[in-house]
Amino acid sequence: MPAQPEITRRDLSSRSKEIMDAVLGGESFIVTRDGRQIGELIPLRRGRRFVPRSEFAAMSRTASNVSLEAFRADQDATAEQETDDPCAR
């Protein structure tokens, strides 16, 4: 793993847009002040939000079967079954 480039606190302040764009592009930096490392700027790890249809279909083929009757019974057993008007309370 390559060493992260060091930037000074002053660089971070004066070149913030450039540095943040680099972080957005996947770069990481060590921030220094008075020659001492004080922090690290790293990109956030974002989970994948989209699953391709083919991958979903492949996962579905190996999933266990679900009994709809048992699923509904579990829901009915755990959900509150109030029939009164909540606005009337």
N, C-alpha and C. Protein backbone atom coordinates (compact mmCIF):
# COMPACT_ATOMS: atom_id res chain seq x y z
N MET A 1 0.85 -1.18 0.00
CA MET A 1 0.00 0.00 0.00
C MET A 1 0.89 1.24 0.00
N PRO A 2 0.72 2.13 -0.96
CA PRO A 2 1.59 3.30 -1.04
C PRO A 2 1.32 4.25 0.13
N ALA A 3 2.38 4.97 0.51
CA ALA A 3 2.25 5.93 1.60
C ALA A 3 1.33 7.07 1.18
N GLN A 4 0.55 7.55 2.14
CA GLN A 4 -0.35 8.66 1.85
C GLN A 4 0.45 9.96 1.84
N PRO A 5 0.13 10.84 0.92
CA PRO A 5 0.83 12.13 0.91
C PRO A 5 0.44 12.95 2.14
N GLU A 6 1.40 13.73 2.63
CA GLU A 6 1.14 14.60 3.76
C GLU A 6 0.81 16.00 3.25
N ILE A 7 -0.16 16.62 3.89
CA ILE A 7 -0.49 18.00 3.59
C ILE A 7 -0.53 18.75 4.92
N THR A 8 -0.14 20.01 4.88
CA THR A 8 -0.17 20.80 6.10
C THR A 8 -1.58 21.34 6.33
N ARG A 9 -1.83 21.73 7.55
CA ARG A 9 -3.11 22.34 7.89
C ARG A 9 -3.33 23.58 7.02
N ARG A 10 -2.28 24.31 6.78
CA ARG A 10 -2.37 25.50 5.94
C ARG A 10 -2.75 25.13 4.51
N ASP A 11 -2.11 24.06 3.96
CA ASP A 11 -2.49 23.59 2.61
C ASP A 11 -3.96 23.20 2.57
N LEU A 12 -4.41 22.50 3.60
CA LEU A 12 -5.80 22.09 3.65
C LEU A 12 -6.73 23.30 3.63
N SER A 13 -6.35 24.33 4.34
CA SER A 13 -7.16 25.54 4.37
C SER A 13 -7.15 26.28 3.03
N SER A 14 -5.99 26.43 2.44
CA SER A 14 -5.90 27.24 1.22
C SER A 14 -6.26 26.47 -0.05
N ARG A 15 -6.14 25.15 -0.03
CA ARG A 15 -6.43 24.34 -1.22
C ARG A 15 -7.57 23.35 -0.96
N SER A 16 -8.51 23.74 -0.11
CA SER A 16 -9.53 22.79 0.33
C SER A 16 -10.34 22.18 -0.83
N LYS A 17 -10.73 22.99 -1.81
CA LYS A 17 -11.51 22.45 -2.93
C LYS A 17 -10.72 21.39 -3.69
N GLU A 18 -9.48 21.71 -4.00
CA GLU A 18 -8.62 20.77 -4.73
C GLU A 18 -8.43 19.48 -3.94
N ILE A 19 -8.19 19.62 -2.64
CA ILE A 19 -7.95 18.45 -1.80
C ILE A 19 -9.22 17.62 -1.63
N MET A 20 -10.36 18.29 -1.41
CA MET A 20 -11.62 17.55 -1.27
C MET A 20 -12.00 16.85 -2.57
N ASP A 21 -11.72 17.47 -3.71
CA ASP A 21 -11.96 16.81 -4.99
C ASP A 21 -11.10 15.55 -5.11
N ALA A 22 -9.85 15.63 -4.63
CA ALA A 22 -8.97 14.46 -4.67
C ALA A 22 -9.50 13.36 -3.75
N VAL A 23 -10.00 13.73 -2.57
CA VAL A 23 -10.58 12.74 -1.66
C VAL A 23 -11.80 12.10 -2.31
N LEU A 24 -12.63 12.92 -2.94
CA LEU A 24 -13.79 12.39 -3.65
C LEU A 24 -13.36 11.41 -4.74
N GLY A 25 -12.20 11.65 -5.33
CA GLY A 25 -11.67 10.76 -6.35
C GLY A 25 -10.97 9.53 -5.80
N GLY A 26 -10.94 9.38 -4.46
CA GLY A 26 -10.38 8.17 -3.86
C GLY A 26 -9.04 8.34 -3.18
N GLU A 27 -8.46 9.54 -3.23
CA GLU A 27 -7.16 9.75 -2.59
C GLU A 27 -7.32 9.97 -1.09
N SER A 28 -6.28 9.64 -0.35
CA SER A 28 -6.23 9.86 1.10
C SER A 28 -5.03 10.74 1.43
N PHE A 29 -5.12 11.47 2.52
CA PHE A 29 -4.05 12.36 2.93
C PHE A 29 -3.85 12.29 4.44
N ILE A 30 -2.60 12.52 4.86
CA ILE A 30 -2.28 12.73 6.27
C ILE A 30 -2.13 14.24 6.45
N VAL A 31 -2.83 14.79 7.45
CA VAL A 31 -2.76 16.22 7.72
C VAL A 31 -1.75 16.45 8.85
N THR A 32 -0.88 17.44 8.64
CA THR A 32 0.13 17.75 9.64
C THR A 32 -0.02 19.20 10.12
N ARG A 33 0.46 19.42 11.35
CA ARG A 33 0.54 20.78 11.90
C ARG A 33 1.83 20.85 12.70
N ASP A 34 2.62 21.84 12.41
CA ASP A 34 3.93 22.01 13.06
C ASP A 34 4.79 20.75 12.91
N GLY A 35 4.67 20.10 11.75
CA GLY A 35 5.48 18.92 11.47
C GLY A 35 4.98 17.63 12.10
N ARG A 36 3.88 17.69 12.84
CA ARG A 36 3.33 16.49 13.49
C ARG A 36 2.05 16.04 12.79
N GLN A 37 1.91 14.76 12.61
CA GLN A 37 0.69 14.23 12.00
C GLN A 37 -0.46 14.39 12.99
N ILE A 38 -1.56 15.00 12.52
CA ILE A 38 -2.69 15.23 13.42
C ILE A 38 -3.99 14.59 12.93
N GLY A 39 -4.04 14.17 11.70
CA GLY A 39 -5.27 13.58 11.20
C GLY A 39 -5.10 12.93 9.86
N GLU A 40 -6.18 12.33 9.42
CA GLU A 40 -6.18 11.62 8.15
C GLU A 40 -7.47 11.93 7.41
N LEU A 41 -7.35 12.30 6.16
CA LEU A 41 -8.51 12.49 5.30
C LEU A 41 -8.62 11.27 4.40
N ILE A 42 -9.74 10.58 4.52
CA ILE A 42 -9.94 9.38 3.71
C ILE A 42 -11.33 9.42 3.09
N PRO A 43 -11.51 8.85 1.91
CA PRO A 43 -12.84 8.80 1.32
C PRO A 43 -13.75 7.86 2.12
N LEU A 44 -15.01 8.19 2.18
CA LEU A 44 -15.97 7.30 2.82
C LEU A 44 -16.17 6.06 1.97
N ARG A 45 -16.34 4.95 2.64
CA ARG A 45 -16.65 3.72 1.90
C ARG A 45 -18.15 3.64 1.78
N ARG A 46 -18.62 3.64 0.60
CA ARG A 46 -20.06 3.60 0.36
C ARG A 46 -20.44 2.21 -0.12
N GLY A 47 -21.50 1.70 0.48
CA GLY A 47 -22.00 0.41 0.04
C GLY A 47 -22.64 0.51 -1.32
N ARG A 48 -22.65 -0.56 -2.00
CA ARG A 48 -23.27 -0.60 -3.32
C ARG A 48 -24.78 -0.43 -3.15
N ARG A 49 -25.38 0.42 -3.93
CA ARG A 49 -26.80 0.70 -3.83
C ARG A 49 -27.61 -0.03 -4.88
N PHE A 50 -26.98 -0.54 -5.91
CA PHE A 50 -27.68 -1.17 -7.00
C PHE A 50 -27.18 -2.60 -7.16
N VAL A 51 -28.10 -3.52 -7.28
CA VAL A 51 -27.74 -4.91 -7.55
C VAL A 51 -28.30 -5.24 -8.92
N PRO A 52 -27.43 -5.64 -9.84
CA PRO A 52 -27.92 -5.99 -11.17
C PRO A 52 -28.95 -7.12 -11.13
N ARG A 53 -29.89 -7.09 -12.04
CA ARG A 53 -30.96 -8.08 -12.08
C ARG A 53 -30.41 -9.51 -12.12
N SER A 54 -29.36 -9.73 -12.89
CA SER A 54 -28.80 -11.08 -13.01
C SER A 54 -28.25 -11.55 -11.66
N GLU A 55 -27.63 -10.65 -10.92
CA GLU A 55 -27.09 -11.03 -9.61
C GLU A 55 -28.21 -11.31 -8.62
N PHE A 56 -29.27 -10.48 -8.65
CA PHE A 56 -30.42 -10.71 -7.78
C PHE A 56 -31.07 -12.05 -8.09
N ALA A 57 -31.21 -12.35 -9.37
CA ALA A 57 -31.81 -13.63 -9.77
C ALA A 57 -30.96 -14.80 -9.30
N ALA A 58 -29.64 -14.67 -9.39
CA ALA A 58 -28.76 -15.75 -8.93
C ALA A 58 -28.88 -15.94 -7.41
N MET A 59 -28.97 -14.85 -6.66
CA MET A 59 -29.13 -14.97 -5.21
C MET A 59 -30.48 -15.57 -4.87
N SER A 60 -31.51 -15.22 -5.62
CA SER A 60 -32.85 -15.71 -5.35
C SER A 60 -32.97 -17.21 -5.58
N ARG A 61 -32.22 -17.72 -6.54
CA ARG A 61 -32.28 -19.16 -6.83
C ARG A 61 -31.78 -19.99 -5.66
N THR A 62 -30.85 -19.46 -4.88
CA THR A 62 -30.28 -20.23 -3.77
C THR A 62 -30.92 -19.88 -2.42
N ALA A 63 -31.87 -18.95 -2.42
CA ALA A 63 -32.54 -18.56 -1.17
C ALA A 63 -33.53 -19.65 -0.75
N SER A 64 -33.73 -19.75 0.56
CA SER A 64 -34.68 -20.74 1.04
C SER A 64 -36.11 -20.28 0.75
N ASN A 65 -37.01 -21.25 0.66
CA ASN A 65 -38.42 -20.94 0.41
C ASN A 65 -39.04 -20.33 1.66
N VAL A 66 -39.96 -19.43 1.46
CA VAL A 66 -40.65 -18.78 2.57
C VAL A 66 -42.11 -19.16 2.51
N SER A 67 -42.63 -19.63 3.64
CA SER A 67 -44.05 -19.93 3.73
C SER A 67 -44.78 -18.61 3.99
N LEU A 68 -45.62 -18.20 3.04
CA LEU A 68 -46.34 -16.95 3.21
C LEU A 68 -47.27 -16.99 4.41
N GLU A 69 -47.86 -18.15 4.68
CA GLU A 69 -48.75 -18.28 5.82
C GLU A 69 -47.99 -18.11 7.13
N ALA A 70 -46.80 -18.72 7.23
CA ALA A 70 -45.99 -18.58 8.44
C ALA A 70 -45.48 -17.15 8.60
N PHE A 71 -45.12 -16.53 7.49
CA PHE A 71 -44.66 -15.14 7.52
C PHE A 71 -45.77 -14.23 8.04
N ARG A 72 -46.98 -14.41 7.52
CA ARG A 72 -48.11 -13.59 7.96
C ARG A 72 -48.44 -13.85 9.42
N ALA A 73 -48.36 -15.10 9.86
CA ALA A 73 -48.64 -15.43 11.26
C ALA A 73 -47.61 -14.77 12.17
N ASP A 74 -46.35 -14.74 11.75
CA ASP A 74 -45.32 -14.05 12.54
C ASP A 74 -45.60 -12.56 12.62
N GLN A 75 -46.01 -11.98 11.51
CA GLN A 75 -46.35 -10.55 11.52
C GLN A 75 -47.53 -10.27 12.44
N ASP A 76 -48.56 -11.08 12.34
CA ASP A 76 -49.74 -10.88 13.18
C ASP A 76 -49.42 -11.05 14.66
N ALA A 77 -48.51 -11.95 14.97
CA ALA A 77 -48.16 -12.20 16.37
C ALA A 77 -47.35 -11.06 16.98
N THR A 78 -46.59 -10.34 16.16
CA THR A 78 -45.72 -9.30 16.71
C THR A 78 -46.25 -7.89 16.51
N ALA A 79 -47.11 -7.68 15.55
CA ALA A 79 -47.62 -6.34 15.27
C ALA A 79 -48.78 -6.02 16.20
N GLU A 80 -48.86 -4.75 16.60
CA GLU A 80 -50.00 -4.33 17.39
C GLU A 80 -51.24 -4.37 16.51
N GLN A 81 -52.30 -4.89 17.04
CA GLN A 81 -53.52 -5.06 16.26
C GLN A 81 -54.62 -4.12 16.77
N GLU A 82 -54.28 -2.85 16.91
CA GLU A 82 -55.27 -1.89 17.40
C GLU A 82 -56.26 -1.56 16.29
N THR A 83 -57.53 -1.58 16.64
CA THR A 83 -58.55 -1.23 15.67
C THR A 83 -59.19 0.11 15.96
N ASP A 84 -58.83 0.70 17.12
CA ASP A 84 -59.43 1.99 17.44
C ASP A 84 -58.75 3.12 16.67
N ASP A 85 -59.38 4.25 16.64
CA ASP A 85 -58.88 5.42 15.93
C ASP A 85 -57.75 6.06 16.74
N PRO A 86 -56.51 6.10 16.22
CA PRO A 86 -55.41 6.68 17.00
C PRO A 86 -55.59 8.17 17.23
N CYS A 87 -56.36 8.83 16.40
CA CYS A 87 -56.59 10.27 16.56
C CYS A 87 -57.58 10.56 17.70
N ALA A 88 -58.32 9.56 18.11
CA ALA A 88 -59.32 9.74 19.15
C ALA A 88 -58.72 9.68 20.55
N ARG A 89 -57.46 9.33 20.67
CA ARG A 89 -56.83 9.19 21.99
C ARG A 89 -56.56 10.50 22.63
